[in-house]
């Protein structure tokens, strides 16, 4: 084996040894694609009693700790309104499906950017996509991901939903909630157990090497450098 090949093997081995494993998972309750068959109650900021809900969200939980990378909802029709995504902890000890007002914890995430609105003319819906979130979520903890809008003129937006107890991926809990008018709490919508149509992507964080491992890596890189210098001298 030549010194150049040996150097490459050393470097490649070190990178494989110290680069943590990363994996991604996609959760959706519309694996065949979003649709507009079951529109949800109106979302918006119109003055009451307009029937608008200023916050509409989906309760979910993860079986393992992960990073929430992206989240998408689907709106009926073509909309280019401004939307923000918020994530807060749901309070399972005090919240109930049959009570009129539920509460959530403080926001863990509020996007400072609007959703990327992509209209699908064939399907008749707009994907409201939020990317590069990087929010760390704990296992077996209930959260709610919900929409708000900073645009006071937004009114009558309908979100696509599914009539389901829980989606097959195990992410969504089959509970879509809307804020009570005038938005002081959360309640289960009148039409029962359902989920908003959504797609979420999570990723397992890349492992960070321990200090001892970093020292060993530096030694290995030094050996690779020594090999390169000897070859140059020769």
Protein backbone atom coordinates (compact mmCIF):
# COMPACT_ATOMS: atom_id res chain seq x y z
CA UNK A 1 0.00 0.00 0.00
CA UNK A 2 1.37 3.44 -0.93
CA UNK A 3 1.75 6.16 1.69
CA UNK A 4 -0.90 8.22 -0.13
CA UNK A 5 -3.41 5.39 0.06
CA UNK A 6 -2.55 4.82 3.72
CA UNK A 7 -3.13 8.49 4.44
CA UNK A 8 -6.53 8.38 2.79
CA UNK A 9 -7.51 5.29 4.76
CA UNK A 10 -6.51 6.92 8.06
CA UNK A 11 -8.48 10.08 7.33
CA UNK A 12 -11.54 8.18 6.09
CA UNK A 13 -11.49 5.92 9.12
CA UNK A 14 -11.32 8.86 11.50
CA UNK A 15 -14.20 10.63 9.80
CA UNK A 16 -16.35 7.52 9.96
CA UNK A 17 -15.47 6.95 13.59
CA UNK A 18 -16.20 10.45 14.81
CA UNK A 19 -19.05 11.63 12.61
CA UNK A 20 -22.21 10.90 14.60
CA UNK A 21 -25.06 9.11 12.96
CA UNK A 22 -27.95 11.23 11.69
CA UNK A 23 -31.35 10.06 10.52
CA UNK A 24 -34.57 11.70 9.48
CA UNK A 25 -38.19 10.63 9.75
CA UNK A 26 -41.23 11.91 7.87
CA UNK A 27 -44.64 11.90 9.56
CA UNK A 28 -47.82 12.63 7.65
CA UNK A 29 -51.47 11.67 7.78
CA UNK A 30 -51.84 12.21 4.03
CA UNK A 31 -49.23 9.83 2.55
CA UNK A 32 -51.08 9.85 -0.78
CA UNK A 33 -51.03 13.65 -0.85
CA UNK A 34 -53.10 16.43 0.64
CA UNK A 35 -56.72 16.92 -0.42
CA UNK A 36 -59.58 19.35 0.12
CA UNK A 37 -62.35 16.89 0.95
CA UNK A 38 -62.75 17.92 4.59
CA UNK A 39 -62.23 21.64 5.19
CA UNK A 40 -61.71 22.84 8.74
CA UNK A 41 -63.40 25.76 10.50
CA UNK A 42 -62.30 29.25 9.45
CA UNK A 43 -58.97 30.65 10.60
CA UNK A 44 -58.24 34.35 10.68
CA UNK A 45 -58.17 37.63 12.55
CA UNK A 46 -61.51 39.15 11.61
CA UNK A 47 -63.39 40.87 14.40
CA UNK A 48 -65.76 38.57 16.25
CA UNK A 49 -68.39 37.31 15.86
CA UNK A 50 -66.93 36.46 12.47
CA UNK A 51 -66.47 32.80 13.34
CA UNK A 52 -62.70 33.03 12.75
CA UNK A 53 -60.27 31.33 15.11
CA UNK A 54 -56.99 33.29 15.45
CA UNK A 55 -55.08 30.10 16.33
CA UNK A 56 -55.57 26.60 14.91
CA UNK A 57 -53.29 23.68 15.74
CA UNK A 58 -52.51 19.98 15.87
CA UNK A 59 -51.57 18.06 19.01
CA UNK A 60 -48.74 15.55 18.54
CA UNK A 61 -46.17 13.48 20.40
CA UNK A 62 -42.90 11.70 19.57
CA UNK A 63 -41.74 8.31 20.77
CA UNK A 64 -38.08 9.40 20.83
CA UNK A 65 -36.36 12.74 21.39
CA UNK A 66 -35.75 14.48 18.06
CA UNK A 67 -35.26 17.78 16.30
CA UNK A 68 -38.27 19.16 14.49
CA UNK A 69 -36.87 20.16 11.09
CA UNK A 70 -39.98 21.20 9.18
CA UNK A 71 -43.74 21.34 9.51
CA UNK A 72 -46.43 21.86 6.88
CA UNK A 73 -50.17 22.44 6.99
CA UNK A 74 -52.50 22.55 3.97
CA UNK A 75 -55.03 25.28 3.21
CA UNK A 76 -58.03 24.89 0.93
CA UNK A 77 -57.71 26.94 -2.25
CA UNK A 78 -55.01 29.40 -3.24
CA UNK A 79 -53.71 31.67 -0.51
CA UNK A 80 -50.62 33.82 -0.20
CA UNK A 81 -51.43 35.16 3.26
CA UNK A 82 -48.74 35.50 5.90
CA UNK A 83 -48.65 32.65 8.42
CA UNK A 84 -46.40 31.94 11.38
CA UNK A 85 -45.82 28.56 13.04
CA UNK A 86 -45.84 28.24 16.81
CA UNK A 87 -45.04 25.20 18.95
CA UNK A 88 -46.00 24.97 22.62
CA UNK A 89 -46.32 22.19 25.16
CA UNK A 90 -49.79 20.76 25.57
CA UNK A 91 -50.97 20.24 29.13
CA UNK A 92 -52.26 16.66 29.25
CA UNK A 93 -52.87 16.73 33.00
CA UNK A 94 -55.39 19.57 32.78
CA UNK A 95 -56.66 19.52 29.20
CA UNK A 96 -59.57 17.36 28.12
CA UNK A 97 -61.25 16.76 24.81
CA UNK A 98 -64.71 17.57 26.15
CA UNK A 99 -64.00 20.79 28.03
CA UNK A 100 -64.62 24.20 26.55
CA UNK A 101 -61.28 25.78 27.42
CA UNK A 102 -57.82 24.18 27.45
CA UNK A 103 -54.48 25.85 28.02
CA UNK A 104 -50.98 25.49 26.59
CA UNK A 105 -47.53 26.31 27.92
CA UNK A 106 -45.35 29.15 26.75
CA UNK A 107 -44.23 29.05 23.14
CA UNK A 108 -41.14 26.95 22.48
CA UNK A 109 -41.01 28.27 18.93
CA UNK A 110 -42.50 31.18 17.02
CA UNK A 111 -41.14 31.60 13.53
CA UNK A 112 -39.84 35.03 12.61
CA UNK A 113 -40.51 34.22 8.97
CA UNK A 114 -43.71 33.44 7.11
CA UNK A 115 -44.68 30.12 5.63
CA UNK A 116 -43.66 29.33 2.08
CA UNK A 117 -47.06 29.16 0.35
CA UNK A 118 -47.09 26.76 -2.61
CA UNK A 119 -50.32 26.37 -4.54
CA UNK A 120 -51.19 23.02 -6.09
CA UNK A 121 -53.64 23.83 -8.87
CA UNK A 122 -54.52 20.20 -9.57
CA UNK A 123 -55.28 19.43 -5.94
CA UNK A 124 -56.82 22.80 -5.14
CA UNK A 125 -54.78 23.39 -1.98
CA UNK A 126 -51.87 25.49 -0.76
CA UNK A 127 -49.00 23.96 1.20
CA UNK A 128 -47.97 26.16 4.15
CA UNK A 129 -44.42 25.02 4.75
CA UNK A 130 -42.00 26.01 7.53
CA UNK A 131 -38.42 24.81 7.07
CA UNK A 132 -35.13 24.82 9.06
CA UNK A 133 -36.87 24.87 12.44
CA UNK A 134 -34.26 23.00 14.52
CA UNK A 135 -36.53 22.70 17.58
CA UNK A 136 -35.51 20.06 20.13
CA UNK A 137 -38.47 17.96 21.31
CA UNK A 138 -38.62 15.40 24.11
CA UNK A 139 -39.99 11.88 23.84
CA UNK A 140 -43.49 11.06 25.14
CA UNK A 141 -44.39 14.72 25.58
CA UNK A 142 -47.48 16.28 24.08
CA UNK A 143 -47.02 19.41 21.98
CA UNK A 144 -49.27 21.55 19.83
CA UNK A 145 -48.13 23.07 16.52
CA UNK A 146 -50.41 25.92 15.57
CA UNK A 147 -50.80 28.69 13.04
CA UNK A 148 -51.13 32.40 13.65
CA UNK A 149 -51.03 35.34 11.26
CA UNK A 150 -49.65 38.82 11.76
CA UNK A 151 -51.92 40.09 8.99
CA UNK A 152 -55.05 41.61 10.53
CA UNK A 153 -56.91 41.24 7.22
CA UNK A 154 -56.59 37.43 7.10
CA UNK A 155 -60.02 35.84 7.44
CA UNK A 156 -61.92 32.75 6.34
CA UNK A 157 -58.88 30.53 5.70
CA UNK A 158 -59.90 26.88 5.75
CA UNK A 159 -57.35 24.20 6.55
CA UNK A 160 -57.64 20.67 5.17
CA UNK A 161 -58.33 17.97 7.74
CA UNK A 162 -58.84 14.24 8.07
CA UNK A 163 -61.50 12.42 10.07
CA UNK A 164 -59.32 10.10 12.08
CA UNK A 165 -58.62 8.96 15.63
CA UNK A 166 -54.84 8.90 15.10
CA UNK A 167 -52.62 8.76 12.05
CA UNK A 168 -50.77 5.57 11.20
CA UNK A 169 -47.34 7.13 11.73
CA UNK A 170 -47.99 7.58 15.45
CA UNK A 171 -47.06 11.26 15.36
CA UNK A 172 -50.39 13.04 15.36
CA UNK A 173 -52.79 12.15 18.17
CA UNK A 174 -55.94 12.68 16.18
CA UNK A 175 -56.71 15.96 17.94
CA UNK A 176 -56.98 19.25 16.05
CA UNK A 177 -57.82 22.20 18.28
CA UNK A 178 -58.83 25.77 17.56
CA UNK A 179 -58.60 28.72 19.89
CA UNK A 180 -61.82 29.76 21.53
CA UNK A 181 -63.26 33.08 20.53
CA UNK A 182 -61.82 35.58 21.33
CA UNK A 183 -58.79 33.31 21.61
CA UNK A 184 -58.37 32.95 25.35
CA UNK A 185 -58.04 29.18 25.34
CA UNK A 186 -58.27 26.04 23.22
CA UNK A 187 -61.14 23.68 22.55
CA UNK A 188 -61.84 20.60 20.49
CA UNK A 189 -63.87 21.57 17.41
CA UNK A 190 -67.55 20.70 17.28
CA UNK A 191 -67.01 18.05 14.61
CA UNK A 192 -65.22 15.67 16.93
CA UNK A 193 -62.06 13.65 16.71
CA UNK A 194 -60.02 14.75 13.75
CA UNK A 195 -56.58 15.87 12.65
CA UNK A 196 -55.41 18.69 10.49
CA UNK A 197 -53.63 17.42 7.41
CA UNK A 198 -49.91 17.86 8.01
CA UNK A 199 -46.42 16.69 7.13
CA UNK A 200 -43.59 16.91 9.66
CA UNK A 201 -39.91 16.00 9.34
CA UNK A 202 -37.74 15.25 12.36
CA UNK A 203 -34.04 14.48 12.61
CA UNK A 204 -31.87 12.85 15.25
CA UNK A 205 -29.10 15.23 16.28
CA UNK A 206 -25.57 14.34 15.20
CA UNK A 207 -23.52 13.02 18.09
CA UNK A 208 -20.78 15.31 19.43
CA UNK A 209 -17.46 13.54 20.16
CA UNK A 210 -16.25 13.44 23.77
CA UNK A 211 -13.06 15.39 24.62
CA UNK A 212 -11.05 12.15 24.80
CA UNK A 213 -12.30 11.19 21.35
CA UNK A 214 -11.33 14.58 19.98
CA UNK A 215 -7.80 14.14 21.33
CA UNK A 216 -7.53 10.74 19.68
CA UNK A 217 -8.76 12.22 16.42
CA UNK A 218 -6.10 14.92 16.56
CA UNK A 219 -3.41 12.26 17.06
CA UNK A 220 -4.70 10.36 14.06
CA UNK A 221 -4.67 13.47 11.89
CA UNK A 222 -1.10 14.14 13.07
CA UNK A 223 -0.06 10.68 11.90
CA UNK A 224 -1.66 11.34 8.53
CA UNK A 225 0.25 14.61 8.28
CA UNK A 226 3.54 12.90 9.19
CA UNK A 227 3.00 10.37 6.41
CA UNK A 228 2.42 13.20 3.95
CA UNK A 229 5.61 15.04 5.03
CA UNK A 230 7.77 11.89 4.75
CA UNK A 231 6.47 11.30 1.25
CA UNK A 232 7.33 14.87 0.27
CA UNK A 233 10.88 14.58 1.72
CA UNK A 234 11.48 11.32 -0.12
